[in-house]
Amino acid sequence: MGSGLSLLPDYHRRIGMPGVVYRPLKPPNIVKHLAVVKKKGAGGAVNNFFHFSADILAATSSERKEPRRQGESVP
């Protein structure tokens, strides 16, 4: 029929082909939620991993600058 559709990586636009029209896709508006949970009173490696993970999640979050600590509720 002379028509078709394909999803391709962006670099294909630079290659170009006669008669092919390239259209960029809008990035999706995706929201993701991540959480780290540990048993109350856990210590050692579990506690260290919990605080390390909470710090990393807080540092990568655009909503919150400080990590949540054990027992802190979500605003």
PDB file of N, CA and C in Angstrom:
ATOM      1  N   MET A   1       0.809  -1.182   0.000  1.00  0.00           N
ATOM      2  CA  MET A   1       0.000   0.000   0.000  1.00  0.00           C
ATOM      3  C   MET A   1       0.860   1.257   0.000  1.00  0.00           C
ATOM      4  N   GLY A   2       2.148   1.090   0.201  1.00  0.00           N
ATOM      5  CA  GLY A   2       3.027   2.240   0.133  1.00  0.00           C
ATOM      6  C   GLY A   2       3.111   3.072   1.387  1.00  0.00           C
ATOM      7  N   SER A   3       2.604   2.574   2.499  1.00  0.00           N
ATOM      8  CA  SER A   3       2.706   3.329   3.747  1.00  0.00           C
ATOM      9  C   SER A   3       3.029   2.381   4.886  1.00  0.00           C
ATOM     10  N   GLY A   4       3.575   2.941   5.947  1.00  0.00           N
ATOM     11  CA  GLY A   4       3.916   2.114   7.098  1.00  0.00           C
ATOM     12  C   GLY A   4       4.322   2.987   8.260  1.00  0.00           C
ATOM     13  N   LEU A   5       4.550   2.360   9.387  1.00  0.00           N
ATOM     14  CA  LEU A   5       4.900   3.055  10.611  1.00  0.00           C
ATOM     15  C   LEU A   5       5.917   2.206  11.353  1.00  0.00           C
ATOM     16  N   SER A   6       6.924   2.858  11.936  1.00  0.00           N
ATOM     17  CA  SER A   6       7.917   2.143  12.716  1.00  0.00           C
ATOM     18  C   SER A   6       8.460   3.053  13.806  1.00  0.00           C
ATOM     19  N   LEU A   7       8.790   2.481  14.937  1.00  0.00           N
ATOM     20  CA  LEU A   7       9.473   3.214  16.008  1.00  0.00           C
ATOM     21  C   LEU A   7      10.960   2.929  15.880  1.00  0.00           C
ATOM     22  N   LEU A   8      11.729   3.992  15.752  1.00  0.00           N
ATOM     23  CA  LEU A   8      13.175   3.850  15.543  1.00  0.00           C
ATOM     24  C   LEU A   8      13.945   4.728  16.520  1.00  0.00           C
ATOM     25  N   PRO A   9      15.192   4.366  16.825  1.00  0.00           N
ATOM     26  CA  PRO A   9      16.030   5.247  17.635  1.00  0.00           C
ATOM     27  C   PRO A   9      16.265   6.568  16.907  1.00  0.00           C
ATOM     28  N   ASP A  10      16.528   7.608  17.652  1.00  0.00           N
ATOM     29  CA  ASP A  10      16.657   8.950  17.099  1.00  0.00           C
ATOM     30  C   ASP A  10      17.753   9.074  16.038  1.00  0.00           C
ATOM     31  N   TYR A  11      18.816   8.284  16.144  1.00  0.00           N
ATOM     32  CA  TYR A  11      19.915   8.430  15.187  1.00  0.00           C
ATOM     33  C   TYR A  11      19.485   8.102  13.750  1.00  0.00           C
ATOM     34  N   HIS A  12      18.394   7.400  13.547  1.00  0.00           N
ATOM     35  CA  HIS A  12      17.910   7.107  12.199  1.00  0.00           C
ATOM     36  C   HIS A  12      17.511   8.382  11.454  1.00  0.00           C
ATOM     37  N   ARG A  13      17.148   9.415  12.193  1.00  0.00           N
ATOM     38  CA  ARG A  13      16.809  10.687  11.551  1.00  0.00           C
ATOM     39  C   ARG A  13      18.014  11.252  10.813  1.00  0.00           C
ATOM     40  N   ARG A  14      19.207  11.074  11.364  1.00  0.00           N
ATOM     41  CA  ARG A  14      20.430  11.591  10.727  1.00  0.00           C
ATOM     42  C   ARG A  14      20.765  10.820   9.454  1.00  0.00           C
ATOM     43  N   ILE A  15      20.432   9.540   9.440  1.00  0.00           N
ATOM     44  CA  ILE A  15      20.701   8.725   8.250  1.00  0.00           C
ATOM     45  C   ILE A  15      19.786   9.188   7.117  1.00  0.00           C
ATOM     46  N   GLY A  16      18.512   9.312   7.406  1.00  0.00           N
ATOM     47  CA  GLY A  16      17.533   9.792   6.428  1.00  0.00           C
ATOM     48  C   GLY A  16      17.370   8.866   5.233  1.00  0.00           C
ATOM     49  N   MET A  17      16.158   8.809   4.757  1.00  0.00           N
ATOM     50  CA  MET A  17      15.836   8.041   3.552  1.00  0.00           C
ATOM     51  C   MET A  17      14.842   8.853   2.738  1.00  0.00           C
ATOM     52  N   PRO A  18      15.018   8.911   1.431  1.00  0.00           N
ATOM     53  CA  PRO A  18      14.071   9.654   0.603  1.00  0.00           C
ATOM     54  C   PRO A  18      12.652   9.095   0.754  1.00  0.00           C
ATOM     55  N   GLY A  19      11.687   9.988   0.911  1.00  0.00           N
ATOM     56  CA  GLY A  19      10.293   9.578   1.023  1.00  0.00           C
ATOM     57  C   GLY A  19       9.864   9.170   2.424  1.00  0.00           C
ATOM     58  N   VAL A  20      10.807   9.193   3.383  1.00  0.00           N
ATOM     59  CA  VAL A  20      10.483   8.813   4.762  1.00  0.00           C
ATOM     60  C   VAL A  20      10.375  10.076   5.600  1.00  0.00           C
ATOM     61  N   VAL A  21       9.310  10.179   6.368  1.00  0.00           N
ATOM     62  CA  VAL A  21       9.091  11.322   7.251  1.00  0.00           C
ATOM     63  C   VAL A  21       9.341  10.852   8.678  1.00  0.00           C
ATOM     64  N   TYR A  22      10.210  11.569   9.384  1.00  0.00           N
ATOM     65  CA  TYR A  22      10.547  11.234  10.766  1.00  0.00           C
ATOM     66  C   TYR A  22       9.837  12.210  11.699  1.00  0.00           C
ATOM     67  N   ARG A  23       9.173  11.689  12.710  1.00  0.00           N
ATOM     68  CA  ARG A  23       8.476  12.508  13.695  1.00  0.00           C
ATOM     69  C   ARG A  23       8.931  12.089  15.095  1.00  0.00           C
ATOM     70  N   PRO A  24       9.425  13.037  15.889  1.00  0.00           N
ATOM     71  CA  PRO A  24       9.820  12.686  17.265  1.00  0.00           C
ATOM     72  C   PRO A  24       8.580  12.422  18.122  1.00  0.00           C
ATOM     73  N   LEU A  25       8.727  11.551  19.080  1.00  0.00           N
ATOM     74  CA  LEU A  25       7.655  11.282  20.034  1.00  0.00           C
ATOM     75  C   LEU A  25       7.817  12.192  21.235  1.00  0.00           C
ATOM     76  N   LYS A  26       6.719  12.627  21.804  1.00  0.00           N
ATOM     77  CA  LYS A  26       6.773  13.393  23.047  1.00  0.00           C
ATOM     78  C   LYS A  26       7.066  12.427  24.181  1.00  0.00           C
ATOM     79  N   PRO A  27       7.949  12.818  25.096  1.00  0.00           N
ATOM     80  CA  PRO A  27       8.216  11.924  26.229  1.00  0.00           C
ATOM     81  C   PRO A  27       6.949  11.755  27.073  1.00  0.00           C
ATOM     82  N   PRO A  28       6.692  10.547  27.553  1.00  0.00           N
ATOM     83  CA  PRO A  28       5.504  10.331  28.380  1.00  0.00           C
ATOM     84  C   PRO A  28       5.647  11.016  29.733  1.00  0.00           C
ATOM     85  N   ASN A  29       4.538  11.396  30.305  1.00  0.00           N
ATOM     86  CA  ASN A  29       4.528  11.994  31.639  1.00  0.00           C
ATOM     87  C   ASN A  29       4.353  10.861  32.648  1.00  0.00           C
ATOM     88  N   ILE A  30       5.463  10.254  33.018  1.00  0.00           N
ATOM     89  CA  ILE A  30       5.436   9.093  33.907  1.00  0.00           C
ATOM     90  C   ILE A  30       5.815   9.526  35.319  1.00  0.00           C
ATOM     91  N   VAL A  31       5.031   9.091  36.272  1.00  0.00           N
ATOM     92  CA  VAL A  31       5.332   9.338  37.676  1.00  0.00           C
ATOM     93  C   VAL A  31       5.627   7.990  38.313  1.00  0.00           C
ATOM     94  N   LYS A  32       6.732   7.914  39.015  1.00  0.00           N
ATOM     95  CA  LYS A  32       7.062   6.666  39.686  1.00  0.00           C
ATOM     96  C   LYS A  32       7.280   6.926  41.167  1.00  0.00           C
ATOM     97  N   HIS A  33       6.935   5.965  41.957  1.00  0.00           N
ATOM     98  CA  HIS A  33       7.093   6.052  43.402  1.00  0.00           C
ATOM     99  C   HIS A  33       7.969   4.889  43.854  1.00  0.00           C
ATOM    100  N   LEU A  34       8.987   5.204  44.618  1.00  0.00           N
ATOM    101  CA  LEU A  34       9.874   4.188  45.171  1.00  0.00           C
ATOM    102  C   LEU A  34       9.878   4.315  46.682  1.00  0.00           C
ATOM    103  N   ALA A  35      10.022   3.193  47.348  1.00  0.00           N
ATOM    104  CA  ALA A  35      10.052   3.218  48.809  1.00  0.00           C
ATOM    105  C   ALA A  35      11.024   2.159  49.307  1.00  0.00           C
ATOM    106  N   VAL A  36      11.592   2.410  50.467  1.00  0.00           N
ATOM    107  CA  VAL A  36      12.440   1.443  51.144  1.00  0.00           C
ATOM    108  C   VAL A  36      11.843   1.244  52.524  1.00  0.00           C
ATOM    109  N   VAL A  37      11.613  -0.006  52.880  1.00  0.00           N
ATOM    110  CA  VAL A  37      10.979  -0.332  54.160  1.00  0.00           C
ATOM    111  C   VAL A  37      11.868  -1.322  54.896  1.00  0.00           C
ATOM    112  N   LYS A  38      11.958  -1.145  56.213  1.00  0.00           N
ATOM    113  CA  LYS A  38      12.710  -2.105  57.017  1.00  0.00           C
ATOM    114  C   LYS A  38      11.945  -2.379  58.303  1.00  0.00           C
ATOM    115  N   LYS A  39      12.248  -3.483  58.912  1.00  0.00           N
ATOM    116  CA  LYS A  39      11.614  -3.848  60.171  1.00  0.00           C
ATOM    117  C   LYS A  39      12.092  -2.895  61.255  1.00  0.00           C
ATOM    118  N   LYS A  40      11.165  -2.427  62.063  1.00  0.00           N
ATOM    119  CA  LYS A  40      11.488  -1.508  63.149  1.00  0.00           C
ATOM    120  C   LYS A  40      12.528  -2.146  64.080  1.00  0.00           C
ATOM    121  N   GLY A  41      13.565  -1.383  64.372  1.00  0.00           N
ATOM    122  CA  GLY A  41      14.609  -1.870  65.273  1.00  0.00           C
ATOM    123  C   GLY A  41      15.705  -2.664  64.585  1.00  0.00           C
ATOM    124  N   ALA A  42      15.592  -2.855  63.265  1.00  0.00           N
ATOM    125  CA  ALA A  42      16.634  -3.591  62.545  1.00  0.00           C
ATOM    126  C   ALA A  42      17.943  -2.803  62.614  1.00  0.00           C
ATOM    127  N   GLY A  43      19.039  -3.502  62.710  1.00  0.00           N
ATOM    128  CA  GLY A  43      20.341  -2.833  62.805  1.00  0.00           C
ATOM    129  C   GLY A  43      21.316  -3.394  61.800  1.00  0.00           C
ATOM    130  N   GLY A  44      22.554  -3.057  61.978  1.00  0.00           N
ATOM    131  CA  GLY A  44      23.627  -3.592  61.144  1.00  0.00           C
ATOM    132  C   GLY A  44      23.481  -3.215  59.684  1.00  0.00           C
ATOM    133  N   ALA A  45      23.726  -4.209  58.821  1.00  0.00           N
ATOM    134  CA  ALA A  45      23.704  -3.993  57.376  1.00  0.00           C
ATOM    135  C   ALA A  45      22.329  -3.546  56.887  1.00  0.00           C
ATOM    136  N   VAL A  46      21.263  -4.077  57.498  1.00  0.00           N
ATOM    137  CA  VAL A  46      19.904  -3.692  57.093  1.00  0.00           C
ATOM    138  C   VAL A  46      19.694  -2.203  57.344  1.00  0.00           C
ATOM    139  N   ASN A  47      20.066  -1.740  58.511  1.00  0.00           N
ATOM    140  CA  ASN A  47      19.912  -0.329  58.860  1.00  0.00           C
ATOM    141  C   ASN A  47      20.775   0.559  57.956  1.00  0.00           C
ATOM    142  N   ASN A  48      22.012   0.134  57.711  1.00  0.00           N
ATOM    143  CA  ASN A  48      22.897   0.901  56.834  1.00  0.00           C
ATOM    144  C   ASN A  48      22.337   0.992  55.414  1.00  0.00           C
ATOM    145  N   PHE A  49      21.837  -0.136  54.899  1.00  0.00           N
ATOM    146  CA  PHE A  49      21.263  -0.139  53.554  1.00  0.00           C
ATOM    147  C   PHE A  49      20.022   0.746  53.498  1.00  0.00           C
ATOM    148  N   PHE A  50      19.193   0.686  54.528  1.00  0.00           N
ATOM    149  CA  PHE A  50      17.983   1.511  54.577  1.00  0.00           C
ATOM    150  C   PHE A  50      18.340   2.995  54.497  1.00  0.00           C
ATOM    151  N   HIS A  51      19.257   3.441  55.313  1.00  0.00           N
ATOM    152  CA  HIS A  51      19.614   4.859  55.334  1.00  0.00           C
ATOM    153  C   HIS A  51      20.344   5.278  54.046  1.00  0.00           C
ATOM    154  N   PHE A  52      21.189   4.412  53.529  1.00  0.00           N
ATOM    155  CA  PHE A  52      21.848   4.696  52.257  1.00  0.00           C
ATOM    156  C   PHE A  52      20.806   4.855  51.146  1.00  0.00           C
ATOM    157  N   SER A  53      19.870   3.924  51.057  1.00  0.00           N
ATOM    158  CA  SER A  53      18.825   3.971  50.030  1.00  0.00           C
ATOM    159  C   SER A  53      17.935   5.192  50.195  1.00  0.00           C
ATOM    160  N   ALA A  54      17.550   5.510  51.421  1.00  0.00           N
ATOM    161  CA  ALA A  54      16.711   6.677  51.680  1.00  0.00           C
ATOM    162  C   ALA A  54      17.429   7.957  51.253  1.00  0.00           C
ATOM    163  N   ASP A  55      18.720   8.037  51.521  1.00  0.00           N
ATOM    164  CA  ASP A  55      19.497   9.215  51.112  1.00  0.00           C
ATOM    165  C   ASP A  55      19.566   9.336  49.589  1.00  0.00           C
ATOM    166  N   ILE A  56      19.789   8.225  48.904  1.00  0.00           N
ATOM    167  CA  ILE A  56      19.860   8.232  47.438  1.00  0.00           C
ATOM    168  C   ILE A  56      18.507   8.621  46.851  1.00  0.00           C
ATOM    169  N   LEU A  57      17.426   8.038  47.360  1.00  0.00           N
ATOM    170  CA  LEU A  57      16.092   8.380  46.855  1.00  0.00           C
ATOM    171  C   LEU A  57      15.789   9.856  47.083  1.00  0.00           C
ATOM    172  N   ALA A  58      16.157  10.380  48.226  1.00  0.00           N
ATOM    173  CA  ALA A  58      15.894  11.789  48.515  1.00  0.00           C
ATOM    174  C   ALA A  58      16.727  12.696  47.609  1.00  0.00           C
ATOM    175  N   ALA A  59      17.964  12.302  47.336  1.00  0.00           N
ATOM    176  CA  ALA A  59      18.841  13.125  46.497  1.00  0.00           C
ATOM    177  C   ALA A  59      18.364  13.170  45.052  1.00  0.00           C
ATOM    178  N   THR A  60      17.700  12.123  44.591  1.00  0.00           N
ATOM    179  CA  THR A  60      17.231  12.078  43.206  1.00  0.00           C
ATOM    180  C   THR A  60      15.791  12.546  43.062  1.00  0.00           C
ATOM    181  N   SER A  61      15.143  12.863  44.170  1.00  0.00           N
ATOM    182  CA  SER A  61      13.756  13.304  44.131  1.00  0.00           C
ATOM    183  C   SER A  61      13.686  14.807  43.903  1.00  0.00           C
ATOM    184  N   SER A  62      12.808  15.225  43.011  1.00  0.00           N
ATOM    185  CA  SER A  62      12.619  16.660  42.781  1.00  0.00           C
ATOM    186  C   SER A  62      11.638  17.249  43.788  1.00  0.00           C
ATOM    187  N   GLU A  63      10.957  16.384  44.536  1.00  0.00           N
ATOM    188  CA  GLU A  63       9.938  16.852  45.476  1.00  0.00           C
ATOM    189  C   GLU A  63      10.480  17.108  46.873  1.00  0.00           C
ATOM    190  N   ARG A  64      11.568  16.452  47.236  1.00  0.00           N
ATOM    191  CA  ARG A  64      12.015  16.499  48.621  1.00  0.00           C
ATOM    192  C   ARG A  64      13.528  16.474  48.683  1.00  0.00           C
ATOM    193  N   LYS A  65      14.122  17.290  49.509  1.00  0.00           N
ATOM    194  CA  LYS A  65      15.584  17.362  49.612  1.00  0.00           C
ATOM    195  C   LYS A  65      16.133  16.498  50.736  1.00  0.00           C
ATOM    196  N   GLU A  66      15.400  16.352  51.826  1.00  0.00           N
ATOM    197  CA  GLU A  66      15.874  15.591  52.975  1.00  0.00           C
ATOM    198  C   GLU A  66      15.325  14.162  52.948  1.00  0.00           C
ATOM    199  N   PRO A  67      16.139  13.163  53.302  1.00  0.00           N
ATOM    200  CA  PRO A  67      15.639  11.787  53.326  1.00  0.00           C
ATOM    201  C   PRO A  67      14.637  11.583  54.452  1.00  0.00           C
ATOM    202  N   ARG A  68      13.703  10.706  54.236  1.00  0.00           N
ATOM    203  CA  ARG A  68      12.767  10.328  55.299  1.00  0.00           C
ATOM    204  C   ARG A  68      13.460   9.298  56.176  1.00  0.00           C
ATOM    205  N   ARG A  69      13.221   9.403  57.444  1.00  0.00           N
ATOM    206  CA  ARG A  69      13.816   8.455  58.385  1.00  0.00           C
ATOM    207  C   ARG A  69      12.743   7.499  58.905  1.00  0.00           C
ATOM    208  N   GLN A  70      13.187   6.481  59.572  1.00  0.00           N
ATOM    209  CA  GLN A  70      12.299   5.448  60.084  1.00  0.00           C
ATOM    210  C   GLN A  70      11.125   6.073  60.838  1.00  0.00           C
ATOM    211  N   GLY A  71       9.925   5.643  60.467  1.00  0.00           N
ATOM    212  CA  GLY A  71       8.721   6.097  61.150  1.00  0.00           C
ATOM    213  C   GLY A  71       8.159   7.399  60.628  1.00  0.00           C
ATOM    214  N   GLU A  72       8.848   8.057  59.699  1.00  0.00           N
ATOM    215  CA  GLU A  72       8.367   9.329  59.163  1.00  0.00           C
ATOM    216  C   GLU A  72       7.301   9.049  58.127  1.00  0.00           C
ATOM    217  N   SER A  73       6.216   9.785  58.198  1.00  0.00           N
ATOM    218  CA  SER A  73       5.123   9.567  57.259  1.00  0.00           C
ATOM    219  C   SER A  73       5.327  10.378  55.986  1.00  0.00           C
ATOM    220  N   VAL A  74       4.632   9.958  54.951  1.00  0.00           N
ATOM    221  CA  VAL A  74       4.682  10.653  53.665  1.00  0.00           C
ATOM    222  C   VAL A  74       3.809  11.902  53.762  1.00  0.00           C
ATOM    223  N   PRO A  75       4.324  13.078  53.303  1.00  0.00           N
ATOM    224  CA  PRO A  75       3.519  14.292  53.397  1.00  0.00           C
ATOM    225  C   PRO A  75       2.320  14.248  52.469  1.00  0.00           C
TER     226      PRO A  75
END
